[in-house]
Amino acid sequence: MNKIGILLLFCIQISCSSQEKSKINGVSFVSSRIEVAQEHIQEVVDLNANHAAVMPFGFIRDLSSPEVKFNTDKQWFGETKSGAKQYIKMLHKNKIEVMLKPQIWIWRGEFTGNLKMNSEEEWQTLEQSYSDFILTYAELAQEANVEILCIGTELEQFVVNRPNYWSKLILEIKEVYKGKLTYAANWDEYAKVPFWKALDYIGVDAYFPLSEEKLPSVAALRKGWKKWKPAMKELSIAVDRPILFTEYGYRSMDYTAKKPWLVDRNDENVNLEAQVNATEAIIQEFWSEDWFAGGYVWKWFIDHKQSGGGNDNRFTPQNKPAEETLRQLYKVNNRF
């Protein structure tokens, strides 16, 4: 059976088995220097997406710095509160629901999961600074009627070392924001997060290693998921919360599923088929599960015409065959 036939068969299977509410068929909507216009949102609509993650940013100097700088005139428009508000308004105007996902960027791209203080005083400073950051966006989420607020992204050492702070922070957020909550845990972190029962979704950034092949087939990739999927289902049942892929996606390059988290500017060969196969496999493997809520593909740039393309080996599916794969599978999942 050719790839189109396999895709159609999967669509039929989903149609027969997914008579409940549609999954979250989302994009991670990248912050830009400029305001978002209707032409930018139309590309999201045309993808058959029904959700978008809006991502304002706060900045930290280094892995031991306790100060979060945010909402400044030195940031890009989309990284600020006013920018996020404008993005949300335009997405809602087009009936695209929103997860507001404020994120931290550490200078030189250091991994946020390693953010860790060296003293109690520094921890307390970080906690106050982070609370100011996230509560600012909780207020925006309430004001703008955002459907989901993500309270943090890949902050493993912060979560593991300060669990009481996070429990208190969630209560403070709930005083401000009345919608649904999640936290975006890294793929190797989510099982350690202690506060899932206080949230509405178990958020996972789904960069699980699946295959060491240069060009793995859909079948091989689905087999690779068998190592990881049971533990997610088990946790979902144990805490009675659905799994939400707060990020998922694959680079259009050789060995895309070997270390899917790589963001380096390597010279690995462009491999458009590998990205298609990995995208198809993850949606086939998860979107029909009743304990799974959906996910947000990483990532979608505002200027669609200038993004991605056949010579690009990075994450975006834009102007690549994977875009059409997403369009067809999201279309099926939007029917119910």
Protein backbone atom coordinates (compact mmCIF):
# COMPACT_ATOMS: atom_id res chain seq x y z
CA MET A 1 0.00 0.00 0.00
CA ASN A 2 1.39 3.42 -0.92
CA LYS A 3 1.73 6.32 1.52
CA ILE A 4 -1.53 7.99 0.42
CA GLY A 5 -3.38 4.73 0.95
CA ILE A 6 -1.91 4.30 4.41
CA LEU A 7 -2.86 7.87 5.27
CA LEU A 8 -6.44 7.36 4.08
CA LEU A 9 -6.71 4.12 6.05
CA PHE A 10 -5.56 5.93 9.18
CA CYS A 11 -8.09 8.70 8.54
CA ILE A 12 -10.87 6.12 8.33
CA GLN A 13 -9.70 4.48 11.57
CA ILE A 14 -9.70 7.80 13.37
CA SER A 15 -13.13 8.66 11.95
CA CYS A 16 -14.56 5.46 13.34
CA SER A 17 -12.89 5.60 16.72
CA SER A 18 -12.84 9.32 17.63
CA GLN A 19 -16.48 10.26 18.01
CA GLU A 20 -15.69 12.36 21.08
CA LYS A 21 -14.37 15.94 21.04
CA SER A 22 -11.55 16.67 18.63
CA LYS A 23 -7.95 16.55 19.74
CA ILE A 24 -5.80 19.63 20.15
CA ASN A 25 -4.25 19.99 16.69
CA GLY A 26 -1.81 22.74 17.49
CA VAL A 27 1.12 24.77 16.24
CA SER A 28 3.83 26.45 18.27
CA PHE A 29 3.36 30.00 16.96
CA VAL A 30 6.78 31.63 17.02
CA SER A 31 7.17 35.17 18.37
CA SER A 32 8.17 37.77 15.80
CA ARG A 33 9.39 41.35 15.61
CA ILE A 34 6.08 42.48 14.15
CA GLU A 35 2.36 42.34 14.78
CA VAL A 36 0.54 39.33 13.41
CA ALA A 37 -1.74 39.99 10.43
CA GLN A 38 -4.67 38.05 9.01
CA GLU A 39 -2.48 36.59 6.26
CA HIS A 40 -0.26 35.02 8.94
CA ILE A 41 -3.18 33.48 10.82
CA GLN A 42 -4.78 32.25 7.60
CA GLU A 43 -1.89 29.84 7.09
CA VAL A 44 -2.66 28.29 10.49
CA VAL A 45 -6.34 28.04 9.57
CA ASP A 46 -5.43 26.43 6.24
CA LEU A 47 -3.36 23.83 8.10
CA ASN A 48 -6.59 22.73 9.82
CA ALA A 49 -5.04 23.58 13.19
CA ASN A 50 -7.49 24.38 15.98
CA HIS A 51 -4.96 25.52 18.61
CA ALA A 52 -1.81 27.63 18.79
CA ALA A 53 0.79 28.07 21.52
CA VAL A 54 1.65 31.76 21.99
CA MET A 55 5.10 32.14 23.54
CA PRO A 56 6.22 35.38 25.19
CA PHE A 57 9.72 35.21 26.67
CA GLY A 58 11.64 36.06 29.79
CA PHE A 59 15.44 36.12 29.78
CA ILE A 60 18.03 34.94 32.32
CA ARG A 61 21.72 35.77 32.15
CA ASP A 62 23.13 32.33 33.01
CA LEU A 63 22.30 29.01 34.70
CA SER A 64 22.87 30.36 38.20
CA SER A 65 21.27 33.78 37.77
CA PRO A 66 18.07 34.41 39.78
CA GLU A 67 16.67 37.34 37.79
CA VAL A 68 14.07 36.94 35.03
CA LYS A 69 13.96 39.96 32.72
CA PHE A 70 10.73 40.23 30.74
CA ASN A 71 8.30 42.55 28.99
CA THR A 72 11.00 45.10 28.12
CA ASP A 73 11.39 47.45 25.17
CA LYS A 74 14.50 45.49 24.13
CA GLN A 75 12.44 42.41 23.23
CA TRP A 76 10.72 41.53 20.00
CA PHE A 77 7.07 42.56 19.88
CA GLY A 78 5.77 38.98 20.04
CA GLU A 79 7.89 38.23 23.10
CA THR A 80 6.15 40.89 25.21
CA LYS A 81 2.82 41.05 26.99
CA SER A 82 1.31 43.46 24.46
CA GLY A 83 2.57 41.32 21.60
CA ALA A 84 1.15 38.12 23.10
CA LYS A 85 -2.17 39.90 23.64
CA GLN A 86 -2.32 40.95 19.98
CA TYR A 87 -1.46 37.44 18.80
CA ILE A 88 -4.15 35.93 21.02
CA LYS A 89 -6.76 38.39 19.79
CA MET A 90 -6.05 37.57 16.14
CA LEU A 91 -6.01 33.82 16.74
CA HIS A 92 -9.31 33.96 18.63
CA LYS A 93 -10.81 36.07 15.85
CA ASN A 94 -10.11 33.10 13.58
CA LYS A 95 -11.56 30.58 16.05
CA ILE A 96 -8.10 29.22 16.93
CA GLU A 97 -7.87 28.41 20.63
CA VAL A 98 -4.71 29.33 22.53
CA MET A 99 -2.26 27.92 25.00
CA LEU A 100 -0.30 30.83 26.47
CA LYS A 101 3.19 29.40 27.08
CA PRO A 102 5.58 31.93 28.65
CA GLN A 103 9.12 30.60 28.28
CA ILE A 104 12.58 31.31 29.63
CA TRP A 105 15.59 31.84 27.40
CA ILE A 106 19.04 31.57 29.02
CA TRP A 107 21.90 33.37 27.31
CA ARG A 108 23.64 31.34 24.60
CA GLY A 109 20.79 28.86 24.57
CA GLU A 110 21.73 27.01 27.75
CA PHE A 111 19.24 24.26 28.61
CA THR A 112 16.62 25.61 31.02
CA GLY A 113 16.37 22.25 32.78
CA ASN A 114 19.79 22.96 34.31
CA LEU A 115 18.77 26.29 35.89
CA LYS A 116 19.86 25.89 39.52
CA MET A 117 20.76 28.31 42.29
CA ASN A 118 23.73 28.09 44.66
CA SER A 119 22.13 29.40 47.86
CA GLU A 120 18.79 29.70 49.62
CA GLU A 121 18.89 33.45 49.12
CA GLU A 122 19.29 33.02 45.36
CA TRP A 123 16.48 30.46 45.21
CA GLN A 124 14.15 32.88 46.94
CA THR A 125 15.13 35.67 44.55
CA LEU A 126 14.48 33.39 41.58
CA GLU A 127 11.12 32.35 43.00
CA GLN A 128 9.97 35.93 43.42
CA SER A 129 11.21 36.90 39.98
CA TYR A 130 9.62 33.88 38.30
CA SER A 131 6.34 34.50 40.13
CA ASP A 132 6.29 38.08 38.82
CA PHE A 133 6.88 36.71 35.33
CA ILE A 134 4.29 33.94 35.28
CA LEU A 135 1.59 35.85 37.20
CA THR A 136 1.87 38.70 34.70
CA TYR A 137 0.92 36.23 32.01
CA ALA A 138 -1.70 34.54 34.16
CA GLU A 139 -3.41 37.93 34.33
CA LEU A 140 -3.18 38.24 30.55
CA ALA A 141 -4.55 34.72 30.13
CA GLN A 142 -7.59 35.61 32.21
CA GLU A 143 -8.10 38.97 30.52
CA ALA A 144 -7.84 37.46 27.03
CA ASN A 145 -9.92 34.35 27.79
CA VAL A 146 -7.06 32.02 26.95
CA GLU A 147 -8.05 28.37 26.97
CA ILE A 148 -4.84 26.92 28.50
CA LEU A 149 -1.97 28.46 30.47
CA CYS A 150 1.37 26.67 30.62
CA ILE A 151 3.07 27.57 33.90
CA GLY A 152 6.62 26.65 32.89
CA THR A 153 8.72 24.90 30.27
CA GLU A 154 11.52 22.38 30.88
CA LEU A 155 12.61 23.62 34.32
CA GLU A 156 13.63 20.28 35.82
CA GLN A 157 16.13 21.42 38.47
CA PHE A 158 13.86 24.28 39.54
CA VAL A 159 10.94 21.87 39.95
CA VAL A 160 12.89 19.06 41.64
CA ASN A 161 14.67 21.35 44.11
CA ARG A 162 11.72 23.63 45.00
CA PRO A 163 8.52 21.53 44.96
CA ASN A 164 6.84 23.55 47.72
CA TYR A 165 7.30 26.74 45.75
CA TRP A 166 5.57 25.24 42.73
CA SER A 167 2.62 24.00 44.78
CA LYS A 168 2.19 27.50 46.22
CA LEU A 169 2.63 29.12 42.81
CA ILE A 170 -0.13 26.98 41.29
CA LEU A 171 -2.53 28.15 43.99
CA GLU A 172 -1.57 31.77 43.32
CA ILE A 173 -2.10 31.30 39.59
CA LYS A 174 -5.54 29.81 40.20
CA GLU A 175 -6.51 32.95 42.12
CA VAL A 176 -5.82 34.96 38.97
CA TYR A 177 -6.61 32.62 36.08
CA LYS A 178 -9.67 30.37 35.91
CA GLY A 179 -8.87 28.35 32.78
CA LYS A 180 -6.98 25.10 32.33
CA LEU A 181 -3.36 24.65 33.39
CA THR A 182 -0.41 22.57 32.30
CA TYR A 183 3.37 22.48 32.64
CA ALA A 184 5.68 21.56 29.73
CA ALA A 185 8.03 18.89 31.06
CA ASN A 186 10.93 17.67 28.98
CA TRP A 187 10.56 14.10 27.66
CA ASP A 188 12.93 12.72 30.32
CA GLU A 189 11.53 14.91 33.12
CA TYR A 190 7.75 14.42 33.12
CA ALA A 191 7.74 11.37 35.41
CA LYS A 192 9.51 13.39 38.16
CA VAL A 193 7.03 16.27 38.26
CA PRO A 194 5.18 16.15 41.61
CA PHE A 195 2.20 18.43 40.94
CA TRP A 196 0.31 16.90 37.99
CA LYS A 197 -2.87 16.40 40.03
CA ALA A 198 -3.03 20.16 40.62
CA LEU A 199 -3.09 20.79 36.85
CA ASP A 200 -5.46 19.83 34.04
CA TYR A 201 -2.98 18.28 31.61
CA ILE A 202 0.28 16.35 31.89
CA GLY A 203 2.39 18.41 29.52
CA VAL A 204 5.23 16.63 27.72
CA ASP A 205 7.72 18.03 25.24
CA ALA A 206 7.84 14.81 23.24
CA TYR A 207 11.41 14.57 21.94
CA PHE A 208 11.79 10.87 22.75
CA PRO A 209 14.53 8.95 20.89
CA LEU A 210 12.84 6.41 18.61
CA SER A 211 15.28 5.12 16.02
CA GLU A 212 18.95 5.26 15.04
CA GLU A 213 18.17 4.71 11.37
CA LYS A 214 19.00 7.32 8.78
CA LEU A 215 15.51 7.05 7.27
CA PRO A 216 13.22 5.06 9.59
CA SER A 217 9.87 3.90 8.25
CA VAL A 218 6.56 4.79 9.88
CA ALA A 219 6.35 1.19 11.13
CA ALA A 220 9.83 1.36 12.66
CA LEU A 221 9.04 4.65 14.37
CA ARG A 222 5.78 3.32 15.77
CA LYS A 223 7.74 0.36 17.11
CA GLY A 224 10.13 2.85 18.73
CA TRP A 225 7.21 4.45 20.55
CA LYS A 226 6.43 1.13 22.30
CA LYS A 227 9.32 1.79 24.68
CA TRP A 228 7.85 5.09 25.90
CA LYS A 229 4.10 5.01 25.41
CA PRO A 230 3.04 2.61 28.24
CA ALA A 231 4.59 4.79 30.96
CA MET A 232 2.70 7.85 29.71
CA LYS A 233 -0.57 5.95 29.67
CA GLU A 234 0.11 4.59 33.15
CA LEU A 235 0.79 8.05 34.57
CA SER A 236 -2.28 9.49 32.85
CA ILE A 237 -4.48 6.85 34.44
CA ALA A 238 -2.78 7.15 37.84
CA VAL A 239 -3.33 10.91 38.18
CA ASP A 240 -6.49 11.04 36.06
CA ARG A 241 -5.13 13.68 33.69
CA PRO A 242 -4.67 13.44 29.90
CA ILE A 243 -1.25 13.65 28.27
CA LEU A 244 -0.73 16.78 26.16
CA PHE A 245 2.29 17.12 23.91
CA THR A 246 3.11 20.75 24.69
CA GLU A 247 5.74 20.38 21.97
CA TYR A 248 6.32 17.69 19.38
CA GLY A 249 8.13 17.69 16.07
CA TYR A 250 11.06 16.47 14.01
CA ARG A 251 13.75 18.06 11.93
CA SER A 252 13.79 17.39 8.20
CA MET A 253 17.17 15.68 8.29
CA ASP A 254 18.86 12.28 8.36
CA TYR A 255 18.58 10.49 11.73
CA THR A 256 15.75 12.80 12.78
CA ALA A 257 14.43 10.38 15.41
CA LYS A 258 17.81 9.51 16.97
CA LYS A 259 18.10 12.64 19.11
CA PRO A 260 14.97 14.63 18.26
CA TRP A 261 15.79 17.37 20.76
CA LEU A 262 18.83 18.63 18.84
CA VAL A 263 18.56 22.32 17.99
CA ASP A 264 22.13 22.81 16.79
CA ARG A 265 22.88 24.17 13.34
CA ASN A 266 24.46 20.96 12.11
CA ASP A 267 25.12 20.07 8.49
CA GLU A 268 23.16 16.82 8.55
CA ASN A 269 21.65 16.12 5.14
CA VAL A 270 18.14 17.38 4.47
CA ASN A 271 15.72 14.46 4.61
CA LEU A 272 12.14 15.52 3.97
CA GLU A 273 10.79 11.97 3.99
CA ALA A 274 12.19 11.30 7.46
CA GLN A 275 10.26 14.28 8.82
CA VAL A 276 7.08 13.07 7.11
CA ASN A 277 7.44 9.56 8.52
CA ALA A 278 8.12 10.76 12.05
CA THR A 279 5.19 13.17 11.95
CA GLU A 280 2.85 10.52 10.60
CA ALA A 281 4.02 7.96 13.17
CA ILE A 282 3.47 10.15 16.23
CA ILE A 283 -0.03 11.14 15.14
CA GLN A 284 -0.95 7.57 14.22
CA GLU A 285 0.37 6.31 17.54
CA PHE A 286 -1.28 8.82 19.88
CA TRP A 287 -4.15 10.83 18.43
CA SER A 288 -6.67 7.97 18.68
CA GLU A 289 -5.96 7.33 22.38
CA ASP A 290 -8.65 8.48 24.80
CA TRP A 291 -6.04 9.40 27.44
CA PHE A 292 -4.25 11.69 25.00
CA ALA A 293 -5.33 15.32 24.43
CA GLY A 294 -3.29 16.29 21.35
CA GLY A 295 -0.26 18.47 20.76
CA TYR A 296 1.52 21.51 19.31
CA VAL A 297 3.96 20.96 16.46
CA TRP A 298 7.33 22.67 16.83
CA LYS A 299 7.42 25.13 15.22
CA TRP A 300 5.42 27.50 13.01
CA PHE A 301 6.81 30.87 11.89
CA ILE A 302 4.59 33.85 11.20
CA ASP A 303 6.10 34.60 7.78
CA HIS A 304 4.98 31.37 6.14
CA LYS A 305 6.23 32.12 2.62
CA GLN A 306 9.79 32.68 3.84
CA SER A 307 9.89 29.73 6.25
CA GLY A 308 11.21 26.21 5.89
CA GLY A 309 11.35 24.89 2.34
CA GLY A 310 13.05 21.99 0.63
CA ASN A 311 16.62 22.99 1.58
CA ASP A 312 15.90 23.48 5.28
CA ASN A 313 16.88 20.75 7.76
CA ARG A 314 15.30 22.33 10.83
CA PHE A 315 12.06 21.71 12.72
CA THR A 316 9.41 23.68 10.92
CA PRO A 317 7.18 21.64 8.55
CA GLN A 318 6.39 24.79 6.57
CA ASN A 319 6.72 24.49 2.78
CA LYS A 320 7.83 20.88 3.13
CA PRO A 321 5.94 17.61 2.52
CA ALA A 322 5.34 17.30 6.29
CA GLU A 323 3.08 20.33 6.09
CA GLU A 324 0.64 18.44 3.89
CA THR A 325 0.87 15.41 6.20
CA LEU A 326 -0.16 17.61 9.10
CA ARG A 327 -2.90 19.28 7.06
CA GLN A 328 -4.54 15.96 6.21
CA LEU A 329 -4.26 14.42 9.67
CA TYR A 330 -5.41 17.58 11.45
CA LYS A 331 -8.38 17.75 9.09
CA VAL A 332 -9.55 14.31 10.19
CA ASN A 333 -9.13 15.15 13.86
CA ASN A 334 -11.16 18.35 13.52
CA ARG A 335 -14.31 16.60 12.38
CA PHE A 336 -15.58 15.66 15.81
